[in-house]
PDB file of N, CA and C in Angstrom:
ATOM      1  N   MET A   1       1.204  -0.778   0.134  1.00  0.00           N
ATOM      2  CA  MET A   1      -0.052   0.468  -0.117  1.00  0.00           C
ATOM      3  C   MET A   1       0.888   1.114  -0.054  1.00  0.00           C
ATOM      4  N   SER A   2       0.163   2.246  -1.266  1.00  0.00           N
ATOM      5  CA  SER A   2       1.661   3.413  -1.090  1.00  0.00           C
ATOM      6  C   SER A   2       0.819   4.552  -1.020  1.00  0.00           C
ATOM      7  N   THR A   3       1.074   5.499  -0.189  1.00  0.00           N
ATOM      8  CA  THR A   3       0.360   6.789   0.232  1.00  0.00           C
ATOM      9  C   THR A   3       1.067   7.839  -0.794  1.00  0.00           C
ATOM     10  N   ILE A   4       0.007   8.959  -0.983  1.00  0.00           N
ATOM     11  CA  ILE A   4       0.360   9.760  -2.018  1.00  0.00           C
ATOM     12  C   ILE A   4       0.165  10.826  -0.944  1.00  0.00           C
ATOM     13  N   TRP A   5       1.121  11.764  -0.554  1.00  0.00           N
ATOM     14  CA  TRP A   5       1.262  12.574   0.238  1.00  0.00           C
ATOM     15  C   TRP A   5       1.751  13.716  -0.346  1.00  0.00           C
ATOM     16  N   PHE A   6       2.332  13.754  -1.405  1.00  0.00           N
ATOM     17  CA  PHE A   6       2.433  15.097  -2.762  1.00  0.00           C
ATOM     18  C   PHE A   6       2.364  15.208  -4.100  1.00  0.00           C
ATOM     19  N   LYS A   7       2.180  16.166  -4.514  1.00  0.00           N
ATOM     20  CA  LYS A   7       2.177  15.827  -6.243  1.00  0.00           C
ATOM     21  C   LYS A   7       3.091  16.547  -7.041  1.00  0.00           C
ATOM     22  N   LYS A   8       3.613  16.225  -8.003  1.00  0.00           N
ATOM     23  CA  LYS A   8       5.096  16.696  -8.491  1.00  0.00           C
ATOM     24  C   LYS A   8       4.235  17.860  -9.901  1.00  0.00           C
ATOM     25  N   ILE A   9       4.479  18.952  -9.650  1.00  0.00           N
ATOM     26  CA  ILE A   9       4.438  19.873 -10.579  1.00  0.00           C
ATOM     27  C   ILE A   9       5.793  20.711 -10.803  1.00  0.00           C
ATOM     28  N   GLY A  10       6.304  20.000 -11.876  1.00  0.00           N
ATOM     29  CA  GLY A  10       7.114  21.029 -12.398  1.00  0.00           C
ATOM     30  C   GLY A  10       8.313  20.345 -11.593  1.00  0.00           C
ATOM     31  N   TRP A  11       8.945  21.123 -10.788  1.00  0.00           N
ATOM     32  CA  TRP A  11      10.479  21.081  -9.721  1.00  0.00           C
ATOM     33  C   TRP A  11       9.462  20.917  -8.892  1.00  0.00           C
ATOM     34  N   PHE A  12       8.338  21.473  -8.629  1.00  0.00           N
ATOM     35  CA  PHE A  12       8.022  21.165  -7.125  1.00  0.00           C
ATOM     36  C   PHE A  12       7.378  20.142  -6.838  1.00  0.00           C
ATOM     37  N   TYR A  13       6.832  20.271  -5.217  1.00  0.00           N
ATOM     38  CA  TYR A  13       6.147  18.926  -4.629  1.00  0.00           C
ATOM     39  C   TYR A  13       5.350  20.193  -4.158  1.00  0.00           C
ATOM     40  N   ILE A  14       3.827  19.579  -4.465  1.00  0.00           N
ATOM     41  CA  ILE A  14       3.000  19.992  -3.851  1.00  0.00           C
ATOM     42  C   ILE A  14       2.437  19.118  -2.887  1.00  0.00           C
ATOM     43  N   PRO A  15       1.627  19.454  -1.768  1.00  0.00           N
ATOM     44  CA  PRO A  15       1.488  18.560  -0.461  1.00  0.00           C
ATOM     45  C   PRO A  15      -0.033  18.237  -0.639  1.00  0.00           C
ATOM     46  N   THR A  16      -0.591  17.113  -1.201  1.00  0.00           N
ATOM     47  CA  THR A  16      -1.366  16.542  -1.242  1.00  0.00           C
ATOM     48  C   THR A  16      -2.502  15.960  -0.551  1.00  0.00           C
ATOM     49  N   SER A  17      -2.263  15.570   0.919  1.00  0.00           N
ATOM     50  CA  SER A  17      -2.530  15.024   2.057  1.00  0.00           C
ATOM     51  C   SER A  17      -2.405  15.917   2.916  1.00  0.00           C
ATOM     52  N   ILE A  18      -3.155  15.910   4.082  1.00  0.00           N
ATOM     53  CA  ILE A  18      -3.065  16.779   5.258  1.00  0.00           C
ATOM     54  C   ILE A  18      -1.170  16.287   6.392  1.00  0.00           C
ATOM     55  N   ILE A  19      -1.037  15.363   5.793  1.00  0.00           N
ATOM     56  CA  ILE A  19       0.102  14.539   6.521  1.00  0.00           C
ATOM     57  C   ILE A  19       1.505  15.404   5.750  1.00  0.00           C
ATOM     58  N   GLY A  20       1.310  15.640   4.600  1.00  0.00           N
ATOM     59  CA  GLY A  20       2.137  16.838   3.203  1.00  0.00           C
ATOM     60  C   GLY A  20       2.039  17.993   4.012  1.00  0.00           C
ATOM     61  N   SER A  21       1.133  18.358   4.269  1.00  0.00           N
ATOM     62  CA  SER A  21       0.943  20.169   4.821  1.00  0.00           C
ATOM     63  C   SER A  21       1.651  19.859   5.972  1.00  0.00           C
ATOM     64  N   ILE A  22       1.272  18.761   6.804  1.00  0.00           N
ATOM     65  CA  ILE A  22       2.440  19.095   7.929  1.00  0.00           C
ATOM     66  C   ILE A  22       3.727  18.794   8.273  1.00  0.00           C
ATOM     67  N   ILE A  23       3.921  18.512   7.455  1.00  0.00           N
ATOM     68  CA  ILE A  23       5.773  18.162   7.040  1.00  0.00           C
ATOM     69  C   ILE A  23       6.162  19.101   6.609  1.00  0.00           C
ATOM     70  N   THR A  24       5.381  20.268   5.138  1.00  0.00           N
ATOM     71  CA  THR A  24       5.985  21.217   4.942  1.00  0.00           C
ATOM     72  C   THR A  24       5.980  22.292   5.712  1.00  0.00           C
ATOM     73  N   LEU A  25       4.985  22.539   6.872  1.00  0.00           N
ATOM     74  CA  LEU A  25       4.693  23.164   7.530  1.00  0.00           C
ATOM     75  C   LEU A  25       6.160  23.367   8.692  1.00  0.00           C
ATOM     76  N   PHE A  26       5.858  22.019   9.057  1.00  0.00           N
ATOM     77  CA  PHE A  26       7.053  22.035  10.115  1.00  0.00           C
ATOM     78  C   PHE A  26       8.506  22.276   9.501  1.00  0.00           C
ATOM     79  N   ALA A  27       8.453  22.145   8.107  1.00  0.00           N
ATOM     80  CA  ALA A  27       9.873  22.431   7.493  1.00  0.00           C
ATOM     81  C   ALA A  27      10.423  23.959   7.831  1.00  0.00           C
ATOM     82  N   ILE A  28       9.265  24.590   7.220  1.00  0.00           N
ATOM     83  CA  ILE A  28       8.735  25.950   7.502  1.00  0.00           C
ATOM     84  C   ILE A  28       9.352  26.729   8.670  1.00  0.00           C
ATOM     85  N   ALA A  29       8.552  25.853   9.901  1.00  0.00           N
ATOM     86  CA  ALA A  29       8.373  26.397  10.839  1.00  0.00           C
ATOM     87  C   ALA A  29       9.733  26.675  11.561  1.00  0.00           C
ATOM     88  N   PHE A  30      11.003  25.455  10.803  1.00  0.00           N
ATOM     89  CA  PHE A  30      11.768  24.585  11.345  1.00  0.00           C
ATOM     90  C   PHE A  30      13.062  26.150  10.831  1.00  0.00           C
ATOM     91  N   CYS A  31      12.513  26.170   9.393  1.00  0.00           N
ATOM     92  CA  CYS A  31      13.764  27.348   8.997  1.00  0.00           C
ATOM     93  C   CYS A  31      13.447  29.039   9.529  1.00  0.00           C
ATOM     94  N   VAL A  32      12.366  29.104  10.080  1.00  0.00           N
ATOM     95  CA  VAL A  32      12.255  30.428  10.150  1.00  0.00           C
ATOM     96  C   VAL A  32      12.599  30.832  11.596  1.00  0.00           C
ATOM     97  N   THR A  33      12.594  29.612  12.935  1.00  0.00           N
ATOM     98  CA  THR A  33      13.278  29.448  13.818  1.00  0.00           C
ATOM     99  C   THR A  33      14.379  29.669  13.927  1.00  0.00           C
ATOM    100  N   VAL A  34      15.485  29.056  12.881  1.00  0.00           N
ATOM    101  CA  VAL A  34      16.613  29.109  12.726  1.00  0.00           C
ATOM    102  C   VAL A  34      16.730  30.593  11.971  1.00  0.00           C
ATOM    103  N   PHE A  35      16.350  30.618  11.380  1.00  0.00           N
ATOM    104  CA  PHE A  35      16.895  32.264  10.822  1.00  0.00           C
ATOM    105  C   PHE A  35      16.741  33.313  11.391  1.00  0.00           C
ATOM    106  N   VAL A  36      15.522  33.229  12.903  1.00  0.00           N
ATOM    107  CA  VAL A  36      15.525  34.167  13.749  1.00  0.00           C
ATOM    108  C   VAL A  36      16.787  34.111  14.900  1.00  0.00           C
ATOM    109  N   ALA A  37      16.671  32.939  14.877  1.00  0.00           N
ATOM    110  CA  ALA A  37      18.080  32.517  16.107  1.00  0.00           C
ATOM    111  C   ALA A  37      19.584  32.902  15.540  1.00  0.00           C
ATOM    112  N   ILE A  38      19.508  32.883  14.300  1.00  0.00           N
ATOM    113  CA  ILE A  38      20.981  33.181  14.082  1.00  0.00           C
ATOM    114  C   ILE A  38      21.015  34.868  13.512  1.00  0.00           C
ATOM    115  N   ASP A  39      19.834  35.038  13.023  1.00  0.00           N
ATOM    116  CA  ASP A  39      20.152  36.452  13.095  1.00  0.00           C
ATOM    117  C   ASP A  39      20.081  37.741  13.727  1.00  0.00           C
ATOM    118  N   ARG A  40      19.366  37.097  15.311  1.00  0.00           N
ATOM    119  CA  ARG A  40      19.709  37.789  16.312  1.00  0.00           C
ATOM    120  C   ARG A  40      21.114  38.046  16.664  1.00  0.00           C
ATOM    121  N   LYS A  41      22.540  37.184  16.029  1.00  0.00           N
ATOM    122  CA  LYS A  41      23.914  37.408  16.717  1.00  0.00           C
ATOM    123  C   LYS A  41      24.546  37.678  15.626  1.00  0.00           C
ATOM    124  N   SER A  42      23.689  38.367  14.469  1.00  0.00           N
ATOM    125  CA  SER A  42      24.536  38.677  13.289  1.00  0.00           C
ATOM    126  C   SER A  42      24.946  39.800  13.296  1.00  0.00           C
ATOM    127  N   HIS A  43      25.779  40.244  12.683  1.00  0.00           N
ATOM    128  CA  HIS A  43      26.635  41.677  12.563  1.00  0.00           C
ATOM    129  C   HIS A  43      25.926  41.839  11.009  1.00  0.00           C
ATOM    130  N   SER A  44      25.524  41.464   9.826  1.00  0.00           N
ATOM    131  CA  SER A  44      25.623  41.567   8.374  1.00  0.00           C
ATOM    132  C   SER A  44      24.631  40.431   7.991  1.00  0.00           C
ATOM    133  N   VAL A  45      24.197  40.767   6.781  1.00  0.00           N
ATOM    134  CA  VAL A  45      22.879  40.226   5.663  1.00  0.00           C
ATOM    135  C   VAL A  45      23.998  38.525   5.473  1.00  0.00           C
ATOM    136  N   SER A  46      25.449  39.011   5.236  1.00  0.00           N
ATOM    137  CA  SER A  46      26.415  37.620   4.983  1.00  0.00           C
ATOM    138  C   SER A  46      26.355  36.920   5.678  1.00  0.00           C
ATOM    139  N   ASP A  47      26.254  37.562   7.164  1.00  0.00           N
ATOM    140  CA  ASP A  47      26.755  36.120   8.826  1.00  0.00           C
ATOM    141  C   ASP A  47      25.226  35.610   8.744  1.00  0.00           C
ATOM    142  N   THR A  48      24.275  36.284   8.392  1.00  0.00           N
ATOM    143  CA  THR A  48      22.945  35.467   8.394  1.00  0.00           C
ATOM    144  C   THR A  48      22.948  34.518   7.191  1.00  0.00           C
ATOM    145  N   LEU A  49      23.293  34.734   6.086  1.00  0.00           N
ATOM    146  CA  LEU A  49      22.860  33.877   5.297  1.00  0.00           C
ATOM    147  C   LEU A  49      23.856  32.651   5.376  1.00  0.00           C
ATOM    148  N   TYR A  50      25.416  32.967   6.040  1.00  0.00           N
ATOM    149  CA  TYR A  50      26.300  32.054   6.022  1.00  0.00           C
ATOM    150  C   TYR A  50      25.896  31.054   7.278  1.00  0.00           C
ATOM    151  N   GLY A  51      24.920  31.659   7.863  1.00  0.00           N
ATOM    152  CA  GLY A  51      24.451  30.887   9.419  1.00  0.00           C
ATOM    153  C   GLY A  51      23.400  29.943   9.245  1.00  0.00           C
ATOM    154  N   ILE A  52      22.224  30.722   8.231  1.00  0.00           N
ATOM    155  CA  ILE A  52      21.143  30.139   8.103  1.00  0.00           C
ATOM    156  C   ILE A  52      21.049  28.326   6.851  1.00  0.00           C
ATOM    157  N   PHE A  53      22.311  28.508   6.173  1.00  0.00           N
ATOM    158  CA  PHE A  53      22.803  27.899   4.576  1.00  0.00           C
ATOM    159  C   PHE A  53      22.636  26.627   4.942  1.00  0.00           C
ATOM    160  N   PRO A  54      23.058  25.979   5.834  1.00  0.00           N
ATOM    161  CA  PRO A  54      22.984  24.044   6.612  1.00  0.00           C
ATOM    162  C   PRO A  54      21.916  24.103   6.638  1.00  0.00           C
ATOM    163  N   TYR A  55      21.473  24.619   7.650  1.00  0.00           N
ATOM    164  CA  TYR A  55      19.973  24.238   8.211  1.00  0.00           C
ATOM    165  C   TYR A  55      19.337  24.442   7.147  1.00  0.00           C
ATOM    166  N   VAL A  56      18.852  25.019   6.496  1.00  0.00           N
ATOM    167  CA  VAL A  56      18.135  25.088   5.718  1.00  0.00           C
ATOM    168  C   VAL A  56      18.058  24.650   4.551  1.00  0.00           C
ATOM    169  N   ILE A  57      19.375  24.253   3.618  1.00  0.00           N
ATOM    170  CA  ILE A  57      19.590  23.200   2.147  1.00  0.00           C
ATOM    171  C   ILE A  57      19.165  21.755   3.071  1.00  0.00           C
ATOM    172  N   SER A  58      19.740  21.552   4.547  1.00  0.00           N
ATOM    173  CA  SER A  58      19.423  20.037   4.962  1.00  0.00           C
ATOM    174  C   SER A  58      17.731  19.959   5.016  1.00  0.00           C
ATOM    175  N   ALA A  59      17.044  21.302   5.541  1.00  0.00           N
ATOM    176  CA  ALA A  59      15.417  20.690   5.923  1.00  0.00           C
ATOM    177  C   ALA A  59      15.001  20.432   4.829  1.00  0.00           C
ATOM    178  N   PHE A  60      15.162  21.309   3.688  1.00  0.00           N
ATOM    179  CA  PHE A  60      14.383  21.323   2.322  1.00  0.00           C
ATOM    180  C   PHE A  60      15.285  19.882   1.548  1.00  0.00           C
ATOM    181  N   THR A  61      16.190  19.586   1.985  1.00  0.00           N
ATOM    182  CA  THR A  61      16.492  18.086   1.184  1.00  0.00           C
ATOM    183  C   THR A  61      15.937  16.913   1.654  1.00  0.00           C
ATOM    184  N   VAL A  62      15.701  17.030   3.127  1.00  0.00           N
ATOM    185  CA  VAL A  62      14.814  15.806   3.922  1.00  0.00           C
ATOM    186  C   VAL A  62      13.292  15.999   2.945  1.00  0.00           C
ATOM    187  N   LEU A  63      12.927  17.379   3.201  1.00  0.00           N
ATOM    188  CA  LEU A  63      11.670  17.477   2.405  1.00  0.00           C
ATOM    189  C   LEU A  63      11.206  17.084   1.132  1.00  0.00           C
ATOM    190  N   PHE A  64      12.065  17.150   0.403  1.00  0.00           N
ATOM    191  CA  PHE A  64      12.374  16.930  -0.631  1.00  0.00           C
ATOM    192  C   PHE A  64      12.451  15.529  -1.074  1.00  0.00           C
ATOM    193  N   TRP A  65      13.443  14.484  -0.358  1.00  0.00           N
ATOM    194  CA  TRP A  65      13.272  13.234  -0.539  1.00  0.00           C
ATOM    195  C   TRP A  65      11.980  12.709   0.326  1.00  0.00           C
ATOM    196  N   ILE A  66      11.513  13.181   1.304  1.00  0.00           N
ATOM    197  CA  ILE A  66      10.057  12.678   1.418  1.00  0.00           C
ATOM    198  C   ILE A  66       9.294  12.728   0.331  1.00  0.00           C
ATOM    199  N   ALA A  67       9.027  14.054  -0.161  1.00  0.00           N
ATOM    200  CA  ALA A  67       8.028  14.612  -1.041  1.00  0.00           C
ATOM    201  C   ALA A  67       8.744  13.461  -2.484  1.00  0.00           C
ATOM    202  N   ASN A  68       9.688  13.388  -2.647  1.00  0.00           N
ATOM    203  CA  ASN A  68      10.263  11.946  -4.069  1.00  0.00           C
ATOM    204  C   ASN A  68       9.543  10.945  -3.672  1.00  0.00           C
ATOM    205  N   ASN A  69       9.730  10.231  -2.200  1.00  0.00           N
ATOM    206  CA  ASN A  69       9.292   8.862  -2.343  1.00  0.00           C
ATOM    207  C   ASN A  69       7.577   8.991  -2.097  1.00  0.00           C
ATOM    208  N   THR A  70       7.036  10.068  -1.547  1.00  0.00           N
ATOM    209  CA  THR A  70       5.616   9.695  -1.391  1.00  0.00           C
ATOM    210  C   THR A  70       4.674  10.395  -2.332  1.00  0.00           C
ATOM    211  N   SER A  71       5.267  10.645  -3.737  1.00  0.00           N
ATOM    212  CA  SER A  71       4.521  11.490  -4.708  1.00  0.00           C
ATOM    213  C   SER A  71       4.129  10.665  -6.109  1.00  0.00           C
ATOM    214  N   ILE A  72       3.322  11.000  -6.753  1.00  0.00           N
ATOM    215  CA  ILE A  72       2.753   9.977  -7.449  1.00  0.00           C
ATOM    216  C   ILE A  72       3.938  10.183  -8.684  1.00  0.00           C
ATOM    217  N   LYS A  73       4.647   9.119  -9.134  1.00  0.00           N
ATOM    218  CA  LYS A  73       5.616   8.964 -10.226  1.00  0.00           C
ATOM    219  C   LYS A  73       4.913   9.647 -11.553  1.00  0.00           C
ATOM    220  N   ASN A  74       5.841  10.192 -12.477  1.00  0.00           N
ATOM    221  CA  ASN A  74       5.371  10.042 -13.917  1.00  0.00           C
ATOM    222  C   ASN A  74       5.942   9.581 -15.059  1.00  0.00           C
ATOM    223  N   LYS A  75       5.893   9.083 -15.420  1.00  0.00           N
ATOM    224  CA  LYS A  75       6.391   7.556 -16.493  1.00  0.00           C
ATOM    225  C   LYS A  75       6.293   8.538 -17.822  1.00  0.00           C
TER     226      LYS A  75
END
């Protein structure tokens, strides 16, 4: 039994279920929290970007991996 949580549209995955929406919201909330925490002690825009980069890339890599494995496969 496979579950479809996301639908691929172009390069992006759109959540099609409650679980997909929750996972997407958790990833966005995590990125916002990281941004606020790192921006608090940064002295410039580049400090903030360098600080959040590893967290944001990791979060969205995991999100896209989950979306790829739980989406409709186009043939």
